[in-house]
Each structure stands twice: as C-alpha cells, then as structure tokens.
Amino acid sequence: MSILRRKPRNFTVRVSTMDAELEFSMDWKAHGHQLFELVCRTIGLRETWYFGLQYVDSKGYTAWLKLDKKVQEQNIPKVSPVPFNFQAKFYPEEVSEELIQEITQHLFFLQVKQQILNQEIYCSPEASVLLASYAVQAKYEDYDKEIHHQGFLSEEELLPQRVIEQFNISLEMWEEKITAWYENHRGLMRDEAEMEYLKVAQDLEMYGVNYFDIKNEKGTDLLLGVDSMGLNVYEKDNRLIPKISFPWSEIRHVSFRDRKVRQEEL
C-alpha cells in the first residue's frame, strides 16, 4: 500500500526591506508578481519600478525573483521561511526630481547608506563625514548641546571602516568632525536630511552600479558593472576604475545563456 504525499498548499516567505521584516503565507502556485505586489501594498509603496526581490539561490548565486514566473518554479532556497531582500534594482539619476514618495526616498537612503558603510560604494573621507552628518540629522533632528553630549554618537555606525583606519585619530575626534557639520543642518526634517544625503551620494562614482561576478574567455575572475550609462568590466580588487566600458549607445544587443553573457557593439 502506497501513501501519496500531498504537496503543501502554502509556503512561508520572509522579506527584509532594510526598514522591517515581513512574513507572508503564499499560495504554492503564486507568481513572483503576486509576492512583489503584496510587499509593495504592505509598505505603502507606489513607485514600485525601482525595486525587486533578491534571493540567494541553491548554488549560492544572488538572483532577482522573476515576476512572470511561479515562485516555486524558480531556484529559491528550500527552507522555510524562504528569505528575500526587497531592494532597489534601478537607481534614479536625479533623486530630487525622480523620487516622489517619502517611503521610496527612505528606502533608497537606507540602502545607499548601507552600501557606503559596507564599502560597496567608494566615498572619500570628506564626503563620508558630510554624509554622516546628514544621517545624524535624519535620526536625531536638530543639534542641541544640552542633549547631545560628547559620546552621543559612540554607538552609531556612521563611517566606512576604511576611512576610520586611514587616519590616526580617535573616534571622539571623528565625532567632533561629524557634529561640526551636523550643527549646520538645523531646521532640516528627516525626509529633507535624507534627500540631502542622497543628493551627495548620487555623484559618487560607484553609485547605482550593480556588480556581477564573471569570468572572461581565459577564465580570469572579473566583475561586470551595470548602470544607467552602460556596461563596465572591472578587476576583482578595483571597483572604482573599469578596465573597459561599453556605453549603451554603442551596444546593439546583449544576450544571456547558460550564465554566459555576450554583447554586440554597433
């Protein structure tokens, strides 16, 4: 006598949005767009076109959930709940003109800030201090010497570790430098401070670049950077200066098959 095991009718997903952890029970036949739209409705996001759901597949590769396919037919990890990250997939060229909703702006602020702190976006020491001061204004509002005593930033992660290690000065001195800028931001509301942060960050060289591990025909490990300007190929240890660039205006066709990318120039 054989016992047929029924497939479960639902599966659980956990979505991290940089600002919150969300958990949903999804129908086993749900498509990617149903999960994506559910997340957007839950957080009140209307400017959905910038974002996507990212996951690490069973082979350890980072991938984006395809919205037109069933979730369970994609190479998602076989765990429960299934983890996804809700992240910006496309970046605006001019944040002050293109980002309308406050929630959109806030999610971009959190993601770009984390990328700078993780050193995924290179930032000079001077710009790092200025950006840190806007982040402090967004969190603490106006500076008040009666409240914000020395050491009030001691538990905050505000500067890339590379910047801290570059100079032989104490954390207290870094706090003084950040606070000196912070005092000048009086009157900025949270959303205004976050926008000022993004306006500085959008001019950084590595802003808005998505990197992918690749190998050339000789088997050399490289990085492929994709941004609004085109395709760039980088050495693994240098994401700032590309070895070669291909502007979109000069690319006729890009094809992808079996993890092989081929591009044709005009």
Protein backbone atom coordinates (compact mmCIF):
# COMPACT_ATOMS: atom_id res chain seq x y z
CA MET A 1 0.00 0.00 0.00
CA SER A 2 1.48 3.35 -1.01
CA ILE A 3 0.75 6.63 0.62
CA LEU A 4 0.77 9.66 -1.67
CA ARG A 5 2.11 12.77 -0.01
CA ARG A 6 0.14 15.85 -0.89
CA LYS A 7 2.02 18.97 -1.84
CA PRO A 8 1.54 21.75 0.69
CA ARG A 9 -0.95 24.39 -0.36
CA ASN A 10 1.07 27.26 1.05
CA PHE A 11 4.64 28.25 1.78
CA THR A 12 6.06 30.97 4.02
CA VAL A 13 8.38 33.77 2.94
CA ARG A 14 10.27 36.35 4.97
CA VAL A 15 11.05 39.65 3.26
CA SER A 16 13.62 42.13 4.60
CA THR A 17 13.03 45.70 3.43
CA MET A 18 16.01 47.46 5.14
CA ASP A 19 13.36 49.00 7.41
CA ALA A 20 11.32 45.99 8.54
CA GLU A 21 10.95 42.21 8.48
CA LEU A 22 7.75 40.98 6.81
CA GLU A 23 6.39 37.45 6.75
CA PHE A 24 3.71 36.12 4.41
CA SER A 25 1.97 32.85 3.68
CA MET A 26 1.76 32.39 -0.09
CA ASP A 27 -0.23 30.01 -2.24
CA TRP A 28 2.02 27.28 -3.65
CA LYS A 29 1.13 28.40 -7.20
CA ALA A 30 1.77 32.11 -6.56
CA HIS A 31 3.71 34.02 -9.19
CA GLY A 32 6.55 36.39 -8.41
CA HIS A 33 4.45 39.47 -9.15
CA GLN A 34 1.89 38.43 -6.52
CA LEU A 35 4.52 38.37 -3.79
CA PHE A 36 6.11 41.60 -5.04
CA GLU A 37 2.76 43.42 -5.16
CA LEU A 38 1.88 42.14 -1.68
CA VAL A 39 5.10 43.59 -0.26
CA CYS A 40 4.53 46.93 -2.02
CA ARG A 41 0.95 47.18 -0.72
CA THR A 42 2.05 46.31 2.81
CA ILE A 43 4.66 49.09 2.99
CA GLY A 44 2.55 51.58 1.02
CA LEU A 45 4.96 51.86 -1.92
CA ARG A 46 3.65 53.16 -5.25
CA GLU A 47 6.96 53.83 -7.04
CA THR A 48 7.46 50.11 -7.48
CA TRP A 49 9.52 50.18 -10.69
CA TYR A 50 12.80 50.83 -8.88
CA PHE A 51 12.63 47.71 -6.73
CA GLY A 52 12.81 43.95 -6.86
CA LEU A 53 13.03 40.86 -4.67
CA GLN A 54 16.51 39.42 -4.33
CA TYR A 55 17.49 36.00 -3.02
CA VAL A 56 20.45 33.62 -2.90
CA ASP A 57 19.74 30.53 -4.99
CA SER A 58 20.61 26.93 -4.15
CA LYS A 59 24.05 27.32 -5.80
CA GLY A 60 24.94 30.41 -3.80
CA TYR A 61 24.36 32.94 -6.59
CA THR A 62 22.48 36.17 -5.95
CA ALA A 63 19.39 36.38 -8.18
CA TRP A 64 16.31 38.52 -8.71
CA LEU A 65 12.89 36.93 -8.47
CA LYS A 66 11.23 36.77 -11.89
CA LEU A 67 7.80 38.35 -11.59
CA ASP A 68 6.22 36.50 -14.51
CA LYS A 69 7.08 33.02 -13.19
CA LYS A 70 5.80 30.99 -10.27
CA VAL A 71 7.92 31.50 -7.18
CA GLN A 72 8.25 27.75 -6.55
CA GLU A 73 9.46 27.14 -10.12
CA GLN A 74 12.48 29.37 -9.55
CA ASN A 75 15.71 28.26 -7.91
CA ILE A 76 14.81 29.58 -4.47
CA PRO A 77 16.36 28.04 -1.33
CA LYS A 78 14.49 25.03 0.02
CA VAL A 79 13.98 26.43 3.51
CA SER A 80 11.06 27.85 5.45
CA PRO A 81 10.50 30.70 5.58
CA VAL A 82 12.08 31.48 2.20
CA PRO A 83 14.26 34.61 2.66
CA PHE A 84 14.07 37.54 0.23
CA ASN A 85 15.53 41.03 0.29
CA PHE A 86 13.40 43.88 -1.03
CA GLN A 87 15.96 46.16 -2.64
CA ALA A 88 16.44 48.88 -5.21
CA LYS A 89 17.22 47.32 -8.57
CA PHE A 90 17.36 50.54 -10.59
CA TYR A 91 18.66 53.91 -9.44
CA PRO A 92 17.40 57.38 -10.38
CA GLU A 93 19.92 59.71 -11.98
CA GLU A 94 18.47 62.78 -10.24
CA VAL A 95 16.98 61.83 -6.88
CA SER A 96 15.40 65.20 -6.10
CA GLU A 97 13.38 65.15 -9.33
CA GLU A 98 12.56 61.45 -9.69
CA LEU A 99 11.80 60.22 -6.16
CA ILE A 100 8.32 61.38 -5.17
CA GLN A 101 7.13 59.24 -2.26
CA GLU A 102 8.77 59.65 1.13
CA ILE A 103 8.87 55.85 1.60
CA THR A 104 10.74 55.47 -1.71
CA GLN A 105 13.26 58.08 -0.67
CA HIS A 106 13.66 56.49 2.77
CA LEU A 107 14.32 53.02 1.33
CA PHE A 108 16.92 54.43 -1.06
CA PHE A 109 18.55 56.33 1.80
CA LEU A 110 18.83 53.19 3.93
CA GLN A 111 20.19 51.08 1.08
CA VAL A 112 22.74 53.61 -0.20
CA LYS A 113 23.87 54.36 3.37
CA GLN A 114 24.47 50.65 3.97
CA GLN A 115 26.35 50.30 0.68
CA ILE A 116 28.65 53.16 1.67
CA LEU A 117 29.27 51.72 5.14
CA ASN A 118 29.91 48.28 3.62
CA GLN A 119 32.35 49.95 1.20
CA GLU A 120 30.36 48.78 -1.81
CA ILE A 121 30.32 52.46 -2.84
CA TYR A 122 33.64 54.28 -2.52
CA CYS A 123 33.39 57.54 -0.60
CA SER A 124 36.18 59.99 0.25
CA PRO A 125 36.80 60.85 3.92
CA GLU A 126 35.45 64.38 3.44
CA ALA A 127 32.24 63.19 1.78
CA SER A 128 31.89 60.40 4.37
CA VAL A 129 31.85 62.95 7.21
CA LEU A 130 29.32 65.15 5.42
CA LEU A 131 27.06 62.17 4.69
CA ALA A 132 27.34 61.02 8.29
CA SER A 133 26.18 64.44 9.47
CA TYR A 134 23.04 64.22 7.30
CA ALA A 135 22.37 60.72 8.65
CA VAL A 136 22.64 62.10 12.20
CA GLN A 137 20.25 64.96 11.37
CA ALA A 138 17.76 62.45 9.93
CA LYS A 139 17.84 60.40 13.14
CA TYR A 140 18.30 62.98 15.91
CA GLU A 141 16.79 66.11 14.31
CA ASP A 142 18.32 69.47 15.33
CA TYR A 143 21.52 69.58 17.34
CA ASP A 144 21.04 70.57 20.98
CA LYS A 145 24.17 70.91 23.12
CA GLU A 146 22.06 70.31 26.24
CA ILE A 147 21.07 66.87 24.95
CA HIS A 148 23.77 65.80 22.52
CA HIS A 149 26.76 65.50 24.82
CA GLN A 150 30.14 64.15 23.78
CA GLY A 151 29.85 60.45 23.07
CA PHE A 152 26.23 60.51 21.88
CA LEU A 153 27.35 59.01 18.57
CA SER A 154 29.61 56.35 20.11
CA GLU A 155 27.19 53.52 19.31
CA GLU A 156 26.36 54.70 15.79
CA GLU A 157 27.88 53.22 12.63
CA LEU A 158 28.43 56.31 10.50
CA LEU A 159 31.75 55.98 8.66
CA PRO A 160 33.24 53.26 6.43
CA GLN A 161 35.90 51.29 8.31
CA ARG A 162 38.41 52.17 5.57
CA VAL A 163 38.01 55.87 6.37
CA ILE A 164 38.43 55.32 10.12
CA GLU A 165 41.60 53.29 9.57
CA GLN A 166 43.06 55.77 7.07
CA PHE A 167 43.73 58.43 9.71
CA ASN A 168 45.36 58.11 13.10
CA ILE A 169 42.69 60.00 15.03
CA SER A 170 40.35 58.92 17.81
CA LEU A 171 36.65 58.13 17.47
CA GLU A 172 35.99 61.18 19.65
CA MET A 173 37.68 63.39 17.05
CA TRP A 174 35.60 61.80 14.29
CA GLU A 175 32.50 62.61 16.33
CA GLU A 176 33.62 66.24 16.63
CA LYS A 177 34.07 66.49 12.85
CA ILE A 178 30.64 65.00 12.19
CA THR A 179 29.00 67.18 14.84
CA ALA A 180 30.55 70.34 13.36
CA TRP A 181 28.66 69.63 10.12
CA TYR A 182 25.59 68.38 11.97
CA GLU A 183 25.17 71.76 13.72
CA ASN A 184 24.79 73.41 10.29
CA HIS A 185 21.77 71.30 9.33
CA ARG A 186 19.40 72.93 11.79
CA GLY A 187 15.82 73.02 10.51
CA LEU A 188 16.06 70.02 8.19
CA MET A 189 13.29 67.47 8.71
CA ARG A 190 14.06 63.75 8.40
CA ASP A 191 12.97 63.48 4.78
CA GLU A 192 14.92 66.63 3.86
CA ALA A 193 18.10 65.37 5.53
CA GLU A 194 17.76 62.02 3.76
CA MET A 195 17.31 63.79 0.43
CA GLU A 196 20.43 65.89 1.02
CA TYR A 197 22.28 62.65 1.79
CA LEU A 198 21.13 61.11 -1.50
CA LYS A 199 21.98 64.25 -3.50
CA VAL A 200 25.59 63.93 -2.34
CA ALA A 201 25.68 60.15 -2.76
CA GLN A 202 24.33 60.17 -6.33
CA ASP A 203 27.52 61.90 -7.51
CA LEU A 204 29.80 59.17 -6.14
CA GLU A 205 31.50 57.08 -8.83
CA MET A 206 30.08 53.72 -7.71
CA TYR A 207 26.52 54.90 -7.00
CA GLY A 208 23.88 52.93 -8.87
CA VAL A 209 26.23 50.22 -10.16
CA ASN A 210 25.15 46.58 -9.85
CA TYR A 211 28.13 44.21 -9.81
CA PHE A 212 28.18 40.61 -11.02
CA ASP A 213 30.98 38.04 -10.77
CA ILE A 214 32.12 36.97 -14.23
CA LYS A 215 34.99 35.19 -15.97
CA ASN A 216 36.44 36.12 -19.33
CA GLU A 217 37.30 33.58 -22.03
CA LYS A 218 40.69 32.97 -20.36
CA GLY A 219 39.00 32.11 -17.07
CA THR A 220 40.11 35.28 -15.25
CA ASP A 221 37.80 36.38 -12.43
CA LEU A 222 36.36 39.83 -13.13
CA LEU A 223 33.36 41.96 -12.24
CA LEU A 224 30.66 43.19 -14.60
CA GLY A 225 29.16 46.51 -13.55
CA VAL A 226 25.78 47.54 -14.93
CA ASP A 227 24.45 51.07 -14.51
CA SER A 228 22.40 53.68 -16.35
CA MET A 229 25.36 54.60 -18.56
CA GLY A 230 26.27 51.13 -19.83
CA LEU A 231 28.37 48.06 -19.05
CA ASN A 232 31.76 48.20 -17.33
CA VAL A 233 34.30 45.45 -16.70
CA TYR A 234 36.40 45.70 -13.52
CA GLU A 235 39.22 43.80 -11.92
CA LYS A 236 38.10 41.99 -8.76
CA ASP A 237 40.05 44.28 -6.44
CA ASN A 238 39.17 47.59 -8.12
CA ARG A 239 35.52 48.52 -8.46
CA LEU A 240 36.30 52.19 -8.96
CA ILE A 241 38.15 52.27 -12.29
CA PRO A 242 36.84 49.98 -15.08
CA LYS A 243 39.23 48.10 -17.37
CA ILE A 244 36.86 48.69 -20.27
CA SER A 245 33.48 50.37 -20.73
CA PHE A 246 30.63 49.90 -23.20
CA PRO A 247 28.11 52.80 -23.30
CA TRP A 248 24.53 51.73 -24.01
CA SER A 249 24.56 53.94 -27.11
CA GLU A 250 27.27 51.71 -28.61
CA ILE A 251 25.69 48.37 -27.68
CA ARG A 252 23.43 46.77 -30.24
CA HIS A 253 22.46 43.59 -28.43
CA VAL A 254 23.08 41.80 -25.11
CA SER A 255 22.33 38.08 -24.78
CA PHE A 256 22.47 35.77 -21.77
CA ARG A 257 22.51 31.99 -21.92
CA ASP A 258 23.74 29.33 -19.51
CA ARG A 259 25.40 32.01 -17.37
CA LYS A 260 27.25 33.34 -20.44
CA VAL A 261 26.84 36.99 -21.37
CA ARG A 262 27.53 38.19 -24.89
CA GLN A 263 27.24 41.78 -26.08
CA GLU A 264 27.42 43.12 -29.62
CA GLU A 265 28.64 46.63 -30.36
CA LEU A 266 27.32 48.87 -33.11
